[in-house]
PDB file of all heavy atoms in Angstrom:
ATOM      1  N   VAL A   1     152.462 136.166  92.398  1.00  0.00           N
ATOM      2  CA  VAL A   1     152.301 137.401  91.612  1.00  0.00           C
ATOM      3  C   VAL A   1     153.004 137.260  90.269  1.00  0.00           C
ATOM      4  O   VAL A   1     152.458 137.639  89.218  1.00  0.00           O
ATOM      5  CB  VAL A   1     152.853 138.602  92.397  1.00  0.00           C
ATOM      6  CG1 VAL A   1     152.920 139.842  91.500  1.00  0.00           C
ATOM      7  CG2 VAL A   1     151.991 138.886  93.620  1.00  0.00           C
ATOM      8  N   PHE A   2     154.202 136.703  90.304  1.00  0.00           N
ATOM      9  CA  PHE A   2     154.960 136.484  89.069  1.00  0.00           C
ATOM     10  C   PHE A   2     154.182 135.582  88.113  1.00  0.00           C
ATOM     11  O   PHE A   2     154.097 135.860  86.906  1.00  0.00           O
ATOM     12  CB  PHE A   2     156.315 135.862  89.409  1.00  0.00           C
ATOM     13  CG  PHE A   2     157.130 135.447  88.220  1.00  0.00           C
ATOM     14  CD1 PHE A   2     157.651 136.392  87.344  1.00  0.00           C
ATOM     15  CD2 PHE A   2     157.383 134.106  87.966  1.00  0.00           C
ATOM     16  CE1 PHE A   2     158.402 136.010  86.235  1.00  0.00           C
ATOM     17  CE2 PHE A   2     158.134 133.710  86.877  1.00  0.00           C
ATOM     18  CZ  PHE A   2     158.645 134.671  86.011  1.00  0.00           C
ATOM     19  N   ALA A   3     153.589 134.513  88.655  1.00  0.00           N
ATOM     20  CA  ALA A   3     152.832 133.572  87.817  1.00  0.00           C
ATOM     21  C   ALA A   3     151.614 134.239  87.200  1.00  0.00           C
ATOM     22  O   ALA A   3     151.313 134.040  86.018  1.00  0.00           O
ATOM     23  CB  ALA A   3     152.415 132.356  88.649  1.00  0.00           C
ATOM     24  N   VAL A   4     150.900 135.043  87.980  1.00  0.00           N
ATOM     25  CA  VAL A   4     149.712 135.718  87.454  1.00  0.00           C
ATOM     26  C   VAL A   4     150.103 136.729  86.384  1.00  0.00           C
ATOM     27  O   VAL A   4     149.452 136.824  85.330  1.00  0.00           O
ATOM     28  CB  VAL A   4     148.942 136.394  88.603  1.00  0.00           C
ATOM     29  CG1 VAL A   4     147.865 137.331  88.056  1.00  0.00           C
ATOM     30  CG2 VAL A   4     148.309 135.346  89.511  1.00  0.00           C
ATOM     31  N   LEU A   5     151.168 137.483  86.632  1.00  0.00           N
ATOM     32  CA  LEU A   5     151.609 138.476  85.644  1.00  0.00           C
ATOM     33  C   LEU A   5     152.072 137.824  84.349  1.00  0.00           C
ATOM     34  O   LEU A   5     151.960 138.419  83.274  1.00  0.00           O
ATOM     35  CB  LEU A   5     152.733 139.337  86.238  1.00  0.00           C
ATOM     36  CG  LEU A   5     152.329 140.252  87.399  1.00  0.00           C
ATOM     37  CD1 LEU A   5     153.544 141.003  87.922  1.00  0.00           C
ATOM     38  CD2 LEU A   5     151.229 141.222  86.980  1.00  0.00           C
ATOM     39  N   ARG A   6     152.566 136.599  84.458  1.00  0.00           N
ATOM     40  CA  ARG A   6     153.011 135.860  83.266  1.00  0.00           C
ATOM     41  C   ARG A   6     151.899 134.994  82.689  1.00  0.00           C
ATOM     42  O   ARG A   6     152.162 134.167  81.823  1.00  0.00           O
ATOM     43  CB  ARG A   6     154.217 134.979  83.627  1.00  0.00           C
ATOM     44  CG  ARG A   6     155.501 135.730  83.958  1.00  0.00           C
ATOM     45  CD  ARG A   6     156.140 136.307  82.694  1.00  0.00           C
ATOM     46  NE  ARG A   6     156.419 135.260  81.731  1.00  0.00           N
ATOM     47  CZ  ARG A   6     157.553 134.545  81.694  1.00  0.00           C
ATOM     48  NH1 ARG A   6     158.504 134.781  82.597  1.00  0.00           N
ATOM     49  NH2 ARG A   6     157.734 133.615  80.780  1.00  0.00           N
ATOM     50  N   ASP A   7     150.667 135.196  83.170  1.00  0.00           N
ATOM     51  CA  ASP A   7     149.529 134.402  82.711  1.00  0.00           C
ATOM     52  C   ASP A   7     149.794 132.911  82.897  1.00  0.00           C
ATOM     53  O   ASP A   7     149.431 132.081  82.065  1.00  0.00           O
ATOM     54  CB  ASP A   7     149.208 134.723  81.249  1.00  0.00           C
ATOM     55  CG  ASP A   7     147.805 134.293  80.865  1.00  0.00           C
ATOM     56  OD1 ASP A   7     146.941 134.226  81.762  1.00  0.00           O
ATOM     57  OD2 ASP A   7     147.574 134.012  79.671  1.00  0.00           O
ATOM     58  N   PHE A   8     150.459 132.577  83.991  1.00  0.00           N
ATOM     59  CA  PHE A   8     150.760 131.211  84.425  1.00  0.00           C
ATOM     60  C   PHE A   8     151.802 130.513  83.546  1.00  0.00           C
ATOM     61  O   PHE A   8     152.042 129.312  83.706  1.00  0.00           O
ATOM     62  CB  PHE A   8     149.482 130.364  84.510  1.00  0.00           C
ATOM     63  CG  PHE A   8     148.475 130.916  85.474  1.00  0.00           C
ATOM     64  CD1 PHE A   8     147.353 131.600  85.026  1.00  0.00           C
ATOM     65  CD2 PHE A   8     148.658 130.769  86.840  1.00  0.00           C
ATOM     66  CE1 PHE A   8     146.425 132.126  85.912  1.00  0.00           C
ATOM     67  CE2 PHE A   8     147.729 131.291  87.744  1.00  0.00           C
ATOM     68  CZ  PHE A   8     146.621 131.971  87.268  1.00  0.00           C
ATOM     69  N   ASN A   9     152.452 131.233  82.657  1.00  0.00           N
ATOM     70  CA  ASN A   9     153.516 130.652  81.837  1.00  0.00           C
ATOM     71  C   ASN A   9     154.851 130.854  82.558  1.00  0.00           C
ATOM     72  O   ASN A   9     155.599 131.797  82.290  1.00  0.00           O
ATOM     73  CB  ASN A   9     153.539 131.314  80.451  1.00  0.00           C
ATOM     74  CG  ASN A   9     152.282 131.032  79.660  1.00  0.00           C
ATOM     75  OD1 ASN A   9     151.822 129.890  79.590  1.00  0.00           O
ATOM     76  ND2 ASN A   9     151.703 132.069  79.053  1.00  0.00           N
ATOM     77  N   VAL A  10     155.118 129.980  83.509  1.00  0.00           N
ATOM     78  CA  VAL A  10     156.305 130.110  84.356  1.00  0.00           C
ATOM     79  C   VAL A  10     157.111 128.810  84.306  1.00  0.00           C
ATOM     80  O   VAL A  10     156.586 127.746  83.963  1.00  0.00           O
ATOM     81  CB  VAL A  10     155.913 130.424  85.808  1.00  0.00           C
ATOM     82  CG1 VAL A  10     155.262 131.797  85.894  1.00  0.00           C
ATOM     83  CG2 VAL A  10     154.976 129.356  86.371  1.00  0.00           C
ATOM     84  N   PRO A  11     158.397 128.872  84.662  1.00  0.00           N
ATOM     85  CA  PRO A  11     159.231 127.663  84.648  1.00  0.00           C
ATOM     86  C   PRO A  11     158.736 126.603  85.634  1.00  0.00           C
ATOM     87  O   PRO A  11     158.032 126.912  86.614  1.00  0.00           O
ATOM     88  CB  PRO A  11     160.612 128.185  85.057  1.00  0.00           C
ATOM     89  CG  PRO A  11     160.592 129.642  84.761  1.00  0.00           C
ATOM     90  CD  PRO A  11     159.177 130.079  84.975  1.00  0.00           C
ATOM     91  N   LEU A  12     159.124 125.371  85.374  1.00  0.00           N
ATOM     92  CA  LEU A  12     158.725 124.258  86.228  1.00  0.00           C
ATOM     93  C   LEU A  12     159.195 124.468  87.668  1.00  0.00           C
ATOM     94  O   LEU A  12     158.492 124.094  88.620  1.00  0.00           O
ATOM     95  CB  LEU A  12     159.307 122.955  85.666  1.00  0.00           C
ATOM     96  CG  LEU A  12     159.018 121.678  86.459  1.00  0.00           C
ATOM     97  CD1 LEU A  12     157.520 121.412  86.542  1.00  0.00           C
ATOM     98  CD2 LEU A  12     159.744 120.486  85.839  1.00  0.00           C
ATOM     99  N   GLU A  13     160.380 125.077  87.838  1.00  0.00           N
ATOM    100  CA  GLU A  13     160.904 125.298  89.188  1.00  0.00           C
ATOM    101  C   GLU A  13     159.972 126.172  90.020  1.00  0.00           C
ATOM    102  O   GLU A  13     159.826 125.965  91.231  1.00  0.00           O
ATOM    103  CB  GLU A  13     162.293 125.946  89.114  1.00  0.00           C
ATOM    104  CG  GLU A  13     163.381 125.078  88.514  1.00  0.00           C
ATOM    105  CD  GLU A  13     163.343 125.057  86.992  1.00  0.00           C
ATOM    106  OE1 GLU A  13     162.530 125.797  86.396  1.00  0.00           O
ATOM    107  OE2 GLU A  13     164.141 124.294  86.405  1.00  0.00           O
ATOM    108  N   VAL A  14     159.355 127.147  89.384  1.00  0.00           N
ATOM    109  CA  VAL A  14     158.407 128.017  90.098  1.00  0.00           C
ATOM    110  C   VAL A  14     157.195 127.206  90.544  1.00  0.00           C
ATOM    111  O   VAL A  14     156.721 127.340  91.681  1.00  0.00           O
ATOM    112  CB  VAL A  14     157.981 129.198  89.207  1.00  0.00           C
ATOM    113  CG1 VAL A  14     156.860 129.997  89.870  1.00  0.00           C
ATOM    114  CG2 VAL A  14     159.170 130.100  88.903  1.00  0.00           C
ATOM    115  N   LYS A  15     156.697 126.357  89.677  1.00  0.00           N
ATOM    116  CA  LYS A  15     155.535 125.541  90.016  1.00  0.00           C
ATOM    117  C   LYS A  15     155.853 124.584  91.170  1.00  0.00           C
ATOM    118  O   LYS A  15     155.039 124.421  92.089  1.00  0.00           O
ATOM    119  CB  LYS A  15     155.071 124.756  88.788  1.00  0.00           C
ATOM    120  CG  LYS A  15     154.600 125.637  87.633  1.00  0.00           C
ATOM    121  CD  LYS A  15     154.176 124.796  86.432  1.00  0.00           C
ATOM    122  CE  LYS A  15     153.727 125.676  85.279  1.00  0.00           C
ATOM    123  NZ  LYS A  15     153.284 124.896  84.098  1.00  0.00           N
ATOM    124  N   ILE A  16     157.030 123.965  91.115  1.00  0.00           N
ATOM    125  CA  ILE A  16     157.421 123.028  92.177  1.00  0.00           C
ATOM    126  C   ILE A  16     157.548 123.756  93.510  1.00  0.00           C
ATOM    127  O   ILE A  16     157.094 123.264  94.553  1.00  0.00           O
ATOM    128  CB  ILE A  16     158.738 122.323  91.800  1.00  0.00           C
ATOM    129  CG1 ILE A  16     158.526 121.390  90.610  1.00  0.00           C
ATOM    130  CG2 ILE A  16     159.292 121.553  93.000  1.00  0.00           C
ATOM    131  CD1 ILE A  16     159.799 120.768  90.085  1.00  0.00           C
ATOM    132  N   THR A  17     158.154 124.935  93.504  1.00  0.00           N
ATOM    133  CA  THR A  17     158.324 125.707  94.736  1.00  0.00           C
ATOM    134  C   THR A  17     156.986 126.091  95.333  1.00  0.00           C
ATOM    135  O   THR A  17     156.755 125.971  96.547  1.00  0.00           O
ATOM    136  CB  THR A  17     159.156 126.970  94.466  1.00  0.00           C
ATOM    137  OG1 THR A  17     160.422 126.595  93.922  1.00  0.00           O
ATOM    138  CG2 THR A  17     159.380 127.761  95.757  1.00  0.00           C
ATOM    139  N   LEU A  18     156.069 126.543  94.499  1.00  0.00           N
ATOM    140  CA  LEU A  18     154.744 126.910  94.989  1.00  0.00           C
ATOM    141  C   LEU A  18     153.992 125.709  95.553  1.00  0.00           C
ATOM    142  O   LEU A  18     153.327 125.815  96.589  1.00  0.00           O
ATOM    143  CB  LEU A  18     153.937 127.562  93.858  1.00  0.00           C
ATOM    144  CG  LEU A  18     154.314 129.015  93.516  1.00  0.00           C
ATOM    145  CD1 LEU A  18     153.684 129.443  92.200  1.00  0.00           C
ATOM    146  CD2 LEU A  18     153.883 129.943  94.637  1.00  0.00           C
ATOM    147  N   CYS A  19     154.111 124.572  94.899  1.00  0.00           N
ATOM    148  CA  CYS A  19     153.467 123.359  95.404  1.00  0.00           C
ATOM    149  C   CYS A  19     154.065 122.941  96.744  1.00  0.00           C
ATOM    150  O   CYS A  19     153.335 122.512  97.653  1.00  0.00           O
ATOM    151  CB  CYS A  19     153.602 122.228  94.389  1.00  0.00           C
ATOM    152  SG  CYS A  19     152.588 122.426  92.910  1.00  0.00           S
ATOM    153  N   ALA A  20     155.379 123.060  96.888  1.00  0.00           N
ATOM    154  CA  ALA A  20     156.047 122.686  98.137  1.00  0.00           C
ATOM    155  C   ALA A  20     155.604 123.594  99.283  1.00  0.00           C
ATOM    156  O   ALA A  20     155.348 123.121 100.402  1.00  0.00           O
ATOM    157  CB  ALA A  20     157.558 122.748  97.956  1.00  0.00           C
ATOM    158  N   ILE A  21     155.498 124.886  99.031  1.00  0.00           N
ATOM    159  CA  ILE A  21     155.050 125.819 100.068  1.00  0.00           C
ATOM    160  C   ILE A  21     153.613 125.516 100.469  1.00  0.00           C
ATOM    161  O   ILE A  21     153.266 125.523 101.656  1.00  0.00           O
ATOM    162  CB  ILE A  21     155.196 127.270  99.574  1.00  0.00           C
ATOM    163  CG1 ILE A  21     156.674 127.616  99.403  1.00  0.00           C
ATOM    164  CG2 ILE A  21     154.526 128.250 100.543  1.00  0.00           C
ATOM    165  CD1 ILE A  21     156.916 128.961  98.740  1.00  0.00           C
ATOM    166  N   SER A  22     152.781 125.224  99.491  1.00  0.00           N
ATOM    167  CA  SER A  22     151.388 124.886  99.780  1.00  0.00           C
ATOM    168  C   SER A  22     151.297 123.616 100.621  1.00  0.00           C
ATOM    169  O   SER A  22     150.515 123.541 101.578  1.00  0.00           O
ATOM    170  CB  SER A  22     150.618 124.710  98.472  1.00  0.00           C
ATOM    171  OG  SER A  22     149.295 124.302  98.715  1.00  0.00           O
ATOM    172  N   ALA A  23     152.086 122.615 100.281  1.00  0.00           N
ATOM    173  CA  ALA A  23     152.083 121.362 101.043  1.00  0.00           C
ATOM    174  C   ALA A  23     152.554 121.603 102.478  1.00  0.00           C
ATOM    175  O   ALA A  23     152.029 121.005 103.424  1.00  0.00           O
ATOM    176  CB  ALA A  23     152.974 120.334 100.350  1.00  0.00           C
ATOM    177  N   TYR A  24     153.536 122.490 102.645  1.00  0.00           N
ATOM    178  CA  TYR A  24     154.018 122.810 103.996  1.00  0.00           C
ATOM    179  C   TYR A  24     152.897 123.421 104.834  1.00  0.00           C
ATOM    180  O   TYR A  24     152.677 123.037 105.994  1.00  0.00           O
ATOM    181  CB  TYR A  24     155.190 123.778 103.908  1.00  0.00           C
ATOM    182  CG  TYR A  24     155.612 124.341 105.250  1.00  0.00           C
ATOM    183  CD1 TYR A  24     156.444 123.613 106.098  1.00  0.00           C
ATOM    184  CD2 TYR A  24     155.165 125.588 105.675  1.00  0.00           C
ATOM    185  CE1 TYR A  24     156.812 124.115 107.341  1.00  0.00           C
ATOM    186  CE2 TYR A  24     155.530 126.102 106.909  1.00  0.00           C
ATOM    187  CZ  TYR A  24     156.355 125.358 107.730  1.00  0.00           C
ATOM    188  OH  TYR A  24     156.709 125.863 108.970  1.00  0.00           O
ATOM    189  N   VAL A  25     152.170 124.387 104.276  1.00  0.00           N
ATOM    190  CA  VAL A  25     151.090 125.041 105.016  1.00  0.00           C
ATOM    191  C   VAL A  25     149.993 124.037 105.377  1.00  0.00           C
ATOM    192  O   VAL A  25     149.467 124.038 106.493  1.00  0.00           O
ATOM    193  CB  VAL A  25     150.515 126.214 104.197  1.00  0.00           C
ATOM    194  CG1 VAL A  25     149.263 126.779 104.867  1.00  0.00           C
ATOM    195  CG2 VAL A  25     151.556 127.314 104.032  1.00  0.00           C
ATOM    196  N   LEU A  26     149.659 123.163 104.445  1.00  0.00           N
ATOM    197  CA  LEU A  26     148.554 122.233 104.669  1.00  0.00           C
ATOM    198  C   LEU A  26     148.904 121.088 105.614  1.00  0.00           C
ATOM    199  O   LEU A  26     148.101 120.708 106.473  1.00  0.00           O
ATOM    200  CB  LEU A  26     148.078 121.652 103.330  1.00  0.00           C
ATOM    201  CG  LEU A  26     147.193 122.539 102.460  1.00  0.00           C
ATOM    202  CD1 LEU A  26     146.923 121.853 101.129  1.00  0.00           C
ATOM    203  CD2 LEU A  26     145.883 122.860 103.166  1.00  0.00           C
TER     204      LEU A  26
END
């Protein structure tokens, strides 16, 4: 939600965390 509200302009840490969660689910 934070990423969408910021039009995807978010810190690298947010991107890494989201990728890690996605990898965990998959």
